[in-house]
C-alpha atoms as a PDB file:
ATOM      1  CA  UNK A   1      17.721  63.482 -16.539  1.00  0.00           C
ATOM      2  CA  UNK A   2      18.005  60.751 -14.541  1.00  0.00           C
ATOM      3  CA  UNK A   3      16.045  58.553 -16.897  1.00  0.00           C
ATOM      4  CA  UNK A   4      18.352  59.772 -19.496  1.00  0.00           C
ATOM      5  CA  UNK A   5      20.969  58.677 -17.023  1.00  0.00           C
ATOM      6  CA  UNK A   6      19.540  55.181 -16.528  1.00  0.00           C
ATOM      7  CA  UNK A   7      18.752  54.396 -19.937  1.00  0.00           C
ATOM      8  CA  UNK A   8      22.822  54.975 -20.411  1.00  0.00           C
ATOM      9  CA  UNK A   9      23.773  52.923 -17.182  1.00  0.00           C
ATOM     10  CA  UNK A  10      21.673  50.195 -18.706  1.00  0.00           C
ATOM     11  CA  UNK A  11      23.296  50.194 -21.571  1.00  0.00           C
ATOM     12  CA  UNK A  12      25.960  46.646 -22.197  1.00  0.00           C
ATOM     13  CA  UNK A  13      28.797  49.110 -23.341  1.00  0.00           C
ATOM     14  CA  UNK A  14      28.659  50.763 -20.957  1.00  0.00           C
ATOM     15  CA  UNK A  15      31.071  50.287 -17.265  1.00  0.00           C
ATOM     16  CA  UNK A  16      30.799  52.841 -14.764  1.00  0.00           C
ATOM     17  CA  UNK A  17      31.595  52.368 -10.881  1.00  0.00           C
ATOM     18  CA  UNK A  18      33.575  50.592  -8.637  1.00  0.00           C
ATOM     19  CA  UNK A  19      35.899  47.371  -9.039  1.00  0.00           C
ATOM     20  CA  UNK A  20      32.739  44.564  -7.536  1.00  0.00           C
ATOM     21  CA  UNK A  21      30.942  46.253 -10.123  1.00  0.00           C
ATOM     22  CA  UNK A  22      32.110  46.210 -13.029  1.00  0.00           C
ATOM     23  CA  UNK A  23      33.079  42.834 -12.403  1.00  0.00           C
ATOM     24  CA  UNK A  24      29.843  41.699 -11.709  1.00  0.00           C
ATOM     25  CA  UNK A  25      28.616  43.997 -15.212  1.00  0.00           C
ATOM     26  CA  UNK A  26      31.068  41.819 -17.593  1.00  0.00           C
ATOM     27  CA  UNK A  27      30.633  38.668 -15.736  1.00  0.00           C
ATOM     28  CA  UNK A  28      26.893  39.049 -16.536  1.00  0.00           C
ATOM     29  CA  UNK A  29      26.483  40.637 -20.119  1.00  0.00           C
ATOM     30  CA  UNK A  30      29.224  37.607 -20.899  1.00  0.00           C
ATOM     31  CA  UNK A  31      26.117  34.747 -19.652  1.00  0.00           C
ATOM     32  CA  UNK A  32      23.713  37.157 -21.159  1.00  0.00           C
ATOM     33  CA  UNK A  33      25.025  38.856 -24.677  1.00  0.00           C
ATOM     34  CA  UNK A  34      27.529  36.145 -25.428  1.00  0.00           C
ATOM     35  CA  UNK A  35      30.363  38.382 -25.186  1.00  0.00           C
ATOM     36  CA  UNK A  36      33.624  37.362 -25.557  1.00  0.00           C
ATOM     37  CA  UNK A  37      36.055  39.962 -25.953  1.00  0.00           C
ATOM     38  CA  UNK A  38      35.424  44.289 -24.433  1.00  0.00           C
ATOM     39  CA  UNK A  39      36.688  47.176 -26.554  1.00  0.00           C
ATOM     40  CA  UNK A  40      39.038  49.034 -23.822  1.00  0.00           C
ATOM     41  CA  UNK A  41      39.627  52.971 -25.385  1.00  0.00           C
ATOM     42  CA  UNK A  42      43.336  53.510 -25.059  1.00  0.00           C
ATOM     43  CA  UNK A  43      43.158  56.210 -22.313  1.00  0.00           C
ATOM     44  CA  UNK A  44      40.691  53.830 -20.883  1.00  0.00           C
ATOM     45  CA  UNK A  45      43.130  50.857 -20.751  1.00  0.00           C
ATOM     46  CA  UNK A  46      45.261  51.279 -17.213  1.00  0.00           C
ATOM     47  CA  UNK A  47      41.564  52.489 -15.017  1.00  0.00           C
ATOM     48  CA  UNK A  48      39.982  49.383 -17.242  1.00  0.00           C
ATOM     49  CA  UNK A  49      43.736  46.752 -16.080  1.00  0.00           C
ATOM     50  CA  UNK A  50      41.875  45.998 -12.586  1.00  0.00           C
ATOM     51  CA  UNK A  51      38.404  44.397 -14.145  1.00  0.00           C
ATOM     52  CA  UNK A  52      40.126  42.351 -16.260  1.00  0.00           C
ATOM     53  CA  UNK A  53      43.315  40.674 -13.826  1.00  0.00           C
ATOM     54  CA  UNK A  54      39.524  39.969 -11.256  1.00  0.00           C
ATOM     55  CA  UNK A  55      38.720  38.586 -14.741  1.00  0.00           C
ATOM     56  CA  UNK A  56      41.932  36.497 -15.343  1.00  0.00           C
ATOM     57  CA  UNK A  57      41.788  35.073 -11.282  1.00  0.00           C
ATOM     58  CA  UNK A  58      37.628  33.865 -11.228  1.00  0.00           C
ATOM     59  CA  UNK A  59      39.172  32.187 -14.479  1.00  0.00           C
ATOM     60  CA  UNK A  60      41.723  30.290 -13.264  1.00  0.00           C
END
């Protein structure tokens, strides 16, 4: 079971954790995989907004 959780969390489409961790993971995945945009499901948009805000601040 734990191995399944670790493997799921390693997927580039899964983001779980505190704000700083999420920002770091998005940044790392953008650099590694060349992501230029993210798809966020509507029920998660409000919760994900601080991540986008932090990334925008870094880009400014």
